[in-house]
């Protein structure tokens, strides 16, 4: 367990040192990339992956039955 924590600490330190020594231009570019990724994933979640099962079925049993039917349905 101690070895795992040490590995995570070394990885964190590696990235921390890299970002802290980065120029202002690099930090700004990374900030723009992260903001764009967050916006893209929010838009994808809202518009392209709605919670279909939650709206159509009330219980977990109904949801699982529907999914099983869809997975085992023959073409």
PDB file of N, CA and C in Angstrom:
ATOM      1  N   UNK A   1       0.828  -1.194   0.000  1.00  0.00           N
ATOM      2  CA  UNK A   1       0.000   0.000   0.000  1.00  0.00           C
ATOM      3  C   UNK A   1       0.870   1.254   0.000  1.00  0.00           C
ATOM      4  N   UNK A   2       1.914   1.222   0.798  1.00  0.00           N
ATOM      5  CA  UNK A   2       2.811   2.367   0.886  1.00  0.00           C
ATOM      6  C   UNK A   2       3.506   2.616  -0.451  1.00  0.00           C
ATOM      7  N   UNK A   3       3.820   1.529  -1.156  1.00  0.00           N
ATOM      8  CA  UNK A   3       4.470   1.641  -2.459  1.00  0.00           C
ATOM      9  C   UNK A   3       3.539   2.285  -3.484  1.00  0.00           C
ATOM     10  N   UNK A   4       2.246   1.951  -3.413  1.00  0.00           N
ATOM     11  CA  UNK A   4       1.247   2.528  -4.309  1.00  0.00           C
ATOM     12  C   UNK A   4       1.121   4.035  -4.083  1.00  0.00           C
ATOM     13  N   UNK A   5       1.082   4.432  -2.830  1.00  0.00           N
ATOM     14  CA  UNK A   5       0.989   5.857  -2.494  1.00  0.00           C
ATOM     15  C   UNK A   5       2.242   6.588  -2.971  1.00  0.00           C
ATOM     16  N   UNK A   6       3.389   5.958  -2.811  1.00  0.00           N
ATOM     17  CA  UNK A   6       4.642   6.548  -3.269  1.00  0.00           C
ATOM     18  C   UNK A   6       4.632   6.730  -4.788  1.00  0.00           C
ATOM     19  N   UNK A   7       4.091   5.760  -5.513  1.00  0.00           N
ATOM     20  CA  UNK A   7       4.008   5.867  -6.977  1.00  0.00           C
ATOM     21  C   UNK A   7       3.111   7.021  -7.385  1.00  0.00           C
ATOM     22  N   UNK A   8       1.949   7.140  -6.736  1.00  0.00           N
ATOM     23  CA  UNK A   8       1.043   8.244  -7.055  1.00  0.00           C
ATOM     24  C   UNK A   8       1.683   9.588  -6.718  1.00  0.00           C
ATOM     25  N   UNK A   9       2.423   9.643  -5.625  1.00  0.00           N
ATOM     26  CA  UNK A   9       3.089  10.889  -5.239  1.00  0.00           C
ATOM     27  C   UNK A   9       4.141  11.269  -6.276  1.00  0.00           C
ATOM     28  N   UNK A  10       4.885  10.293  -6.788  1.00  0.00           N
ATOM     29  CA  UNK A  10       5.898  10.575  -7.798  1.00  0.00           C
ATOM     30  C   UNK A  10       5.255  11.050  -9.104  1.00  0.00           C
ATOM     31  N   UNK A  11       4.146  10.426  -9.491  1.00  0.00           N
ATOM     32  CA  UNK A  11       3.445  10.833 -10.710  1.00  0.00           C
ATOM     33  C   UNK A  11       2.894  12.246 -10.549  1.00  0.00           C
ATOM     34  N   UNK A  12       2.265  12.510  -9.403  1.00  0.00           N
ATOM     35  CA  UNK A  12       1.725  13.847  -9.147  1.00  0.00           C
ATOM     36  C   UNK A  12       2.836  14.888  -9.184  1.00  0.00           C
ATOM     37  N   UNK A  13       3.957  14.592  -8.544  1.00  0.00           N
ATOM     38  CA  UNK A  13       5.077  15.528  -8.501  1.00  0.00           C
ATOM     39  C   UNK A  13       5.625  15.799  -9.909  1.00  0.00           C
ATOM     40  N   UNK A  14       5.680  14.764 -10.750  1.00  0.00           N
ATOM     41  CA  UNK A  14       6.146  14.899 -12.124  1.00  0.00           C
ATOM     42  C   UNK A  14       5.293  15.910 -12.891  1.00  0.00           C
ATOM     43  N   UNK A  15       3.952  15.737 -12.826  1.00  0.00           N
ATOM     44  CA  UNK A  15       3.067  16.652 -13.545  1.00  0.00           C
ATOM     45  C   UNK A  15       3.037  18.034 -12.900  1.00  0.00           C
ATOM     46  N   UNK A  16       3.086  18.084 -11.588  1.00  0.00           N
ATOM     47  CA  UNK A  16       3.091  19.367 -10.896  1.00  0.00           C
ATOM     48  C   UNK A  16       4.312  20.196 -11.291  1.00  0.00           C
ATOM     49  N   UNK A  17       5.460  19.555 -11.290  1.00  0.00           N
ATOM     50  CA  UNK A  17       6.686  20.267 -11.687  1.00  0.00           C
ATOM     51  C   UNK A  17       6.615  20.706 -13.144  1.00  0.00           C
ATOM     52  N   UNK A  18       6.073  19.850 -14.001  1.00  0.00           N
ATOM     53  CA  UNK A  18       5.963  20.195 -15.413  1.00  0.00           C
ATOM     54  C   UNK A  18       5.062  21.386 -15.651  1.00  0.00           C
ATOM     55  N   UNK A  19       3.914  21.410 -14.985  1.00  0.00           N
ATOM     56  CA  UNK A  19       2.985  22.524 -15.180  1.00  0.00           C
ATOM     57  C   UNK A  19       3.466  23.796 -14.494  1.00  0.00           C
ATOM     58  N   UNK A  20       4.158  23.657 -13.379  1.00  0.00           N
ATOM     59  CA  UNK A  20       4.627  24.872 -12.692  1.00  0.00           C
ATOM     60  C   UNK A  20       5.779  25.536 -13.441  1.00  0.00           C
ATOM     61  N   UNK A  21       6.538  24.748 -14.197  1.00  0.00           N
ATOM     62  CA  UNK A  21       7.636  25.346 -14.946  1.00  0.00           C
ATOM     63  C   UNK A  21       7.233  25.724 -16.371  1.00  0.00           C
ATOM     64  N   UNK A  22       5.972  25.545 -16.701  1.00  0.00           N
ATOM     65  CA  UNK A  22       5.484  25.857 -18.041  1.00  0.00           C
ATOM     66  C   UNK A  22       5.326  27.371 -18.213  1.00  0.00           C
ATOM     67  N   UNK A  23       5.504  27.838 -19.421  1.00  0.00           N
ATOM     68  CA  UNK A  23       5.364  29.265 -19.688  1.00  0.00           C
ATOM     69  C   UNK A  23       3.889  29.682 -19.604  1.00  0.00           C
ATOM     70  N   UNK A  24       3.657  30.979 -19.545  1.00  0.00           N
ATOM     71  CA  UNK A  24       2.279  31.474 -19.450  1.00  0.00           C
ATOM     72  C   UNK A  24       1.476  31.076 -20.677  1.00  0.00           C
ATOM     73  N   UNK A  25       2.136  31.012 -21.825  1.00  0.00           N
ATOM     74  CA  UNK A  25       1.449  30.652 -23.059  1.00  0.00           C
ATOM     75  C   UNK A  25       0.971  29.199 -23.004  1.00  0.00           C
ATOM     76  N   UNK A  26       1.809  28.309 -22.509  1.00  0.00           N
ATOM     77  CA  UNK A  26       1.443  26.901 -22.386  1.00  0.00           C
ATOM     78  C   UNK A  26       0.301  26.694 -21.406  1.00  0.00           C
ATOM     79  N   UNK A  27       0.336  27.402 -20.292  1.00  0.00           N
ATOM     80  CA  UNK A  27      -0.753  27.296 -19.303  1.00  0.00           C
ATOM     81  C   UNK A  27      -2.071  27.769 -19.899  1.00  0.00           C
ATOM     82  N   UNK A  28      -1.996  28.850 -20.659  1.00  0.00           N
ATOM     83  CA  UNK A  28      -3.209  29.384 -21.283  1.00  0.00           C
ATOM     84  C   UNK A  28      -3.783  28.389 -22.296  1.00  0.00           C
ATOM     85  N   UNK A  29      -2.914  27.759 -23.072  1.00  0.00           N
ATOM     86  CA  UNK A  29      -3.365  26.775 -24.053  1.00  0.00           C
ATOM     87  C   UNK A  29      -4.011  25.582 -23.352  1.00  0.00           C
ATOM     88  N   UNK A  30      -3.386  25.076 -22.285  1.00  0.00           N
ATOM     89  CA  UNK A  30      -3.971  23.962 -21.549  1.00  0.00           C
ATOM     90  C   UNK A  30      -5.311  24.349 -20.919  1.00  0.00           C
ATOM     91  N   UNK A  31      -5.432  25.568 -20.425  1.00  0.00           N
ATOM     92  CA  UNK A  31      -6.705  26.020 -19.855  1.00  0.00           C
ATOM     93  C   UNK A  31      -7.794  26.024 -20.929  1.00  0.00           C
ATOM     94  N   UNK A  32      -7.472  26.496 -22.120  1.00  0.00           N
ATOM     95  CA  UNK A  32      -8.449  26.508 -23.216  1.00  0.00           C
ATOM     96  C   UNK A  32      -8.847  25.088 -23.588  1.00  0.00           C
ATOM     97  N   UNK A  33      -7.877  24.177 -23.648  1.00  0.00           N
ATOM     98  CA  UNK A  33      -8.178  22.781 -23.988  1.00  0.00           C
ATOM     99  C   UNK A  33      -9.104  22.162 -22.948  1.00  0.00           C
ATOM    100  N   UNK A  34      -8.824  22.369 -21.682  1.00  0.00           N
ATOM    101  CA  UNK A  34      -9.657  21.790 -20.621  1.00  0.00           C
ATOM    102  C   UNK A  34     -11.062  22.376 -20.649  1.00  0.00           C
ATOM    103  N   UNK A  35     -11.183  23.680 -20.843  1.00  0.00           N
ATOM    104  CA  UNK A  35     -12.508  24.314 -20.921  1.00  0.00           C
ATOM    105  C   UNK A  35     -13.292  23.765 -22.108  1.00  0.00           C
ATOM    106  N   UNK A  36     -12.641  23.622 -23.257  1.00  0.00           N
ATOM    107  CA  UNK A  36     -13.328  23.086 -24.442  1.00  0.00           C
ATOM    108  C   UNK A  36     -13.786  21.648 -24.212  1.00  0.00           C
ATOM    109  N   UNK A  37     -12.955  20.817 -23.588  1.00  0.00           N
ATOM    110  CA  UNK A  37     -13.344  19.431 -23.309  1.00  0.00           C
ATOM    111  C   UNK A  37     -14.548  19.361 -22.377  1.00  0.00           C
ATOM    112  N   UNK A  38     -14.556  20.192 -21.348  1.00  0.00           N
ATOM    113  CA  UNK A  38     -15.682  20.213 -20.416  1.00  0.00           C
ATOM    114  C   UNK A  38     -16.959  20.613 -21.146  1.00  0.00           C
ATOM    115  N   UNK A  39     -16.893  21.645 -21.968  1.00  0.00           N
ATOM    116  CA  UNK A  39     -18.070  22.095 -22.711  1.00  0.00           C
ATOM    117  C   UNK A  39     -18.546  21.011 -23.678  1.00  0.00           C
ATOM    118  N   UNK A  40     -17.607  20.379 -24.383  1.00  0.00           N
ATOM    119  CA  UNK A  40     -17.985  19.330 -25.337  1.00  0.00           C
ATOM    120  C   UNK A  40     -18.691  18.183 -24.621  1.00  0.00           C
ATOM    121  N   UNK A  41     -18.148  17.717 -23.500  1.00  0.00           N
ATOM    122  CA  UNK A  41     -18.772  16.598 -22.800  1.00  0.00           C
ATOM    123  C   UNK A  41     -20.123  16.968 -22.210  1.00  0.00           C
ATOM    124  N   UNK A  42     -20.282  18.197 -21.757  1.00  0.00           N
ATOM    125  CA  UNK A  42     -21.592  18.626 -21.245  1.00  0.00           C
ATOM    126  C   UNK A  42     -22.611  18.653 -22.377  1.00  0.00           C
ATOM    127  N   UNK A  43     -22.237  19.196 -23.522  1.00  0.00           N
ATOM    128  CA  UNK A  43     -23.153  19.247 -24.668  1.00  0.00           C
ATOM    129  C   UNK A  43     -23.500  17.839 -25.131  1.00  0.00           C
ATOM    130  N   UNK A  44     -22.515  16.954 -25.211  1.00  0.00           N
ATOM    131  CA  UNK A  44     -22.788  15.572 -25.614  1.00  0.00           C
ATOM    132  C   UNK A  44     -23.746  14.895 -24.646  1.00  0.00           C
ATOM    133  N   UNK A  45     -23.532  15.077 -23.362  1.00  0.00           N
ATOM    134  CA  UNK A  45     -24.390  14.450 -22.359  1.00  0.00           C
ATOM    135  C   UNK A  45     -25.821  14.960 -22.465  1.00  0.00           C
ATOM    136  N   UNK A  46     -25.996  16.241 -22.618  1.00  0.00           N
ATOM    137  CA  UNK A  46     -27.331  16.821 -22.629  1.00  0.00           C
ATOM    138  C   UNK A  46     -28.091  16.480 -23.903  1.00  0.00           C
ATOM    139  N   UNK A  47     -27.464  16.643 -25.061  1.00  0.00           N
ATOM    140  CA  UNK A  47     -28.187  16.519 -26.311  1.00  0.00           C
ATOM    141  C   UNK A  47     -28.129  15.140 -26.962  1.00  0.00           C
ATOM    142  N   UNK A  48     -27.052  14.414 -26.776  1.00  0.00           N
ATOM    143  CA  UNK A  48     -26.910  13.157 -27.497  1.00  0.00           C
ATOM    144  C   UNK A  48     -27.078  11.914 -26.635  1.00  0.00           C
ATOM    145  N   UNK A  49     -26.985  12.042 -25.325  1.00  0.00           N
ATOM    146  CA  UNK A  49     -27.144  10.899 -24.440  1.00  0.00           C
ATOM    147  C   UNK A  49     -28.153  11.201 -23.333  1.00  0.00           C
ATOM    148  N   UNK A  50     -29.410  11.430 -23.699  1.00  0.00           N
ATOM    149  CA  UNK A  50     -30.407  11.691 -22.658  1.00  0.00           C
ATOM    150  C   UNK A  50     -30.672  10.430 -21.843  1.00  0.00           C
ATOM    151  N   UNK A  51     -31.202  10.597 -20.668  1.00  0.00           N
ATOM    152  CA  UNK A  51     -31.491   9.463 -19.788  1.00  0.00           C
ATOM    153  C   UNK A  51     -32.808   8.816 -20.215  1.00  0.00           C
ATOM    154  N   UNK A  52     -32.733   8.045 -21.286  1.00  0.00           N
ATOM    155  CA  UNK A  52     -33.902   7.426 -21.896  1.00  0.00           C
ATOM    156  C   UNK A  52     -34.598   6.458 -20.939  1.00  0.00           C
ATOM    157  N   UNK A  53     -33.846   5.610 -20.284  1.00  0.00           N
ATOM    158  CA  UNK A  53     -34.444   4.596 -19.409  1.00  0.00           C
ATOM    159  C   UNK A  53     -35.137   5.223 -18.205  1.00  0.00           C
ATOM    160  N   UNK A  54     -34.568   6.276 -17.671  1.00  0.00           N
ATOM    161  CA  UNK A  54     -35.154   6.917 -16.499  1.00  0.00           C
ATOM    162  C   UNK A  54     -36.508   7.549 -16.827  1.00  0.00           C
ATOM    163  N   UNK A  55     -36.630   8.099 -18.026  1.00  0.00           N
ATOM    164  CA  UNK A  55     -37.889   8.729 -18.423  1.00  0.00           C
ATOM    165  C   UNK A  55     -38.956   7.699 -18.778  1.00  0.00           C
ATOM    166  N   UNK A  56     -38.546   6.575 -19.368  1.00  0.00           N
ATOM    167  CA  UNK A  56     -39.516   5.622 -19.885  1.00  0.00           C
ATOM    168  C   UNK A  56     -39.940   4.578 -18.848  1.00  0.00           C
ATOM    169  N   UNK A  57     -39.044   4.182 -17.963  1.00  0.00           N
ATOM    170  CA  UNK A  57     -39.326   3.122 -16.995  1.00  0.00           C
ATOM    171  C   UNK A  57     -39.092   3.623 -15.581  1.00  0.00           C
ATOM    172  N   UNK A  58     -39.920   3.117 -14.666  1.00  0.00           N
ATOM    173  CA  UNK A  58     -39.850   3.587 -13.281  1.00  0.00           C
ATOM    174  C   UNK A  58     -38.966   2.716 -12.399  1.00  0.00           C
ATOM    175  N   UNK A  59     -39.033   1.412 -12.550  1.00  0.00           N
ATOM    176  CA  UNK A  59     -38.286   0.524 -11.650  1.00  0.00           C
ATOM    177  C   UNK A  59     -37.045  -0.027 -12.335  1.00  0.00           C
ATOM    178  N   UNK A  60     -36.119  -0.489 -11.512  1.00  0.00           N
ATOM    179  CA  UNK A  60     -34.891  -1.095 -12.027  1.00  0.00           C
ATOM    180  C   UNK A  60     -35.194  -2.393 -12.777  1.00  0.00           C
ATOM    181  N   UNK A  61     -36.195  -3.097 -12.335  1.00  0.00           N
ATOM    182  CA  UNK A  61     -36.567  -4.354 -12.998  1.00  0.00           C
ATOM    183  C   UNK A  61     -37.057  -4.091 -14.425  1.00  0.00           C
ATOM    184  N   UNK A  62     -37.877  -3.068 -14.603  1.00  0.00           N
ATOM    185  CA  UNK A  62     -38.351  -2.721 -15.944  1.00  0.00           C
ATOM    186  C   UNK A  62     -37.186  -2.290 -16.841  1.00  0.00           C
ATOM    187  N   UNK A  63     -36.280  -1.525 -16.284  1.00  0.00           N
ATOM    188  CA  UNK A  63     -35.123  -1.074 -17.056  1.00  0.00           C
ATOM    189  C   UNK A  63     -34.254  -2.249 -17.491  1.00  0.00           C
ATOM    190  N   UNK A  64     -33.983  -3.159 -16.566  1.00  0.00           N
ATOM    191  CA  UNK A  64     -33.134  -4.295 -16.899  1.00  0.00           C
ATOM    192  C   UNK A  64     -33.815  -5.222 -17.898  1.00  0.00           C
ATOM    193  N   UNK A  65     -35.120  -5.366 -17.788  1.00  0.00           N
ATOM    194  CA  UNK A  65     -35.847  -6.198 -18.740  1.00  0.00           C
ATOM    195  C   UNK A  65     -35.772  -5.602 -20.149  1.00  0.00           C
ATOM    196  N   UNK A  66     -35.930  -4.302 -20.259  1.00  0.00           N
ATOM    197  CA  UNK A  66     -35.845  -3.634 -21.557  1.00  0.00           C
ATOM    198  C   UNK A  66     -34.449  -3.795 -22.170  1.00  0.00           C
ATOM    199  N   UNK A  67     -33.424  -3.581 -21.360  1.00  0.00           N
ATOM    200  CA  UNK A  67     -32.055  -3.704 -21.860  1.00  0.00           C
ATOM    201  C   UNK A  67     -31.779  -5.124 -22.309  1.00  0.00           C
ATOM    202  N   UNK A  68     -32.219  -6.105 -21.535  1.00  0.00           N
ATOM    203  CA  UNK A  68     -32.026  -7.506 -21.901  1.00  0.00           C
ATOM    204  C   UNK A  68     -32.739  -7.825 -23.209  1.00  0.00           C
ATOM    205  N   UNK A  69     -33.949  -7.323 -23.381  1.00  0.00           N
ATOM    206  CA  UNK A  69     -34.686  -7.551 -24.631  1.00  0.00           C
ATOM    207  C   UNK A  69     -33.951  -6.933 -25.817  1.00  0.00           C
ATOM    208  N   UNK A  70     -33.410  -5.741 -25.643  1.00  0.00           N
ATOM    209  CA  UNK A  70     -32.704  -5.075 -26.726  1.00  0.00           C
ATOM    210  C   UNK A  70     -31.395  -5.782 -27.085  1.00  0.00           C
ATOM    211  N   UNK A  71     -30.723  -6.320 -26.089  1.00  0.00           N
ATOM    212  CA  UNK A  71     -29.456  -7.015 -26.332  1.00  0.00           C
ATOM    213  C   UNK A  71     -29.651  -8.383 -26.983  1.00  0.00           C
ATOM    214  N   UNK A  72     -30.763  -9.037 -26.653  1.00  0.00           N
ATOM    215  CA  UNK A  72     -30.980 -10.394 -27.172  1.00  0.00           C
ATOM    216  C   UNK A  72     -31.920 -10.441 -28.367  1.00  0.00           C
ATOM    217  N   UNK A  73     -32.395  -9.287 -28.815  1.00  0.00           N
ATOM    218  CA  UNK A  73     -33.295  -9.236 -29.940  1.00  0.00           C
ATOM    219  C   UNK A  73     -32.563  -9.641 -31.220  1.00  0.00           C
ATOM    220  N   UNK A  74     -33.178 -10.531 -31.984  1.00  0.00           N
ATOM    221  CA  UNK A  74     -32.532 -10.964 -33.229  1.00  0.00           C
ATOM    222  C   UNK A  74     -32.817  -9.949 -34.341  1.00  0.00           C
ATOM    223  N   UNK A  75     -31.898  -9.890 -35.265  1.00  0.00           N
ATOM    224  CA  UNK A  75     -32.035  -8.937 -36.362  1.00  0.00           C
ATOM    225  C   UNK A  75     -32.955  -9.512 -37.357  1.00  0.00           C
TER     226      UNK A  75
END
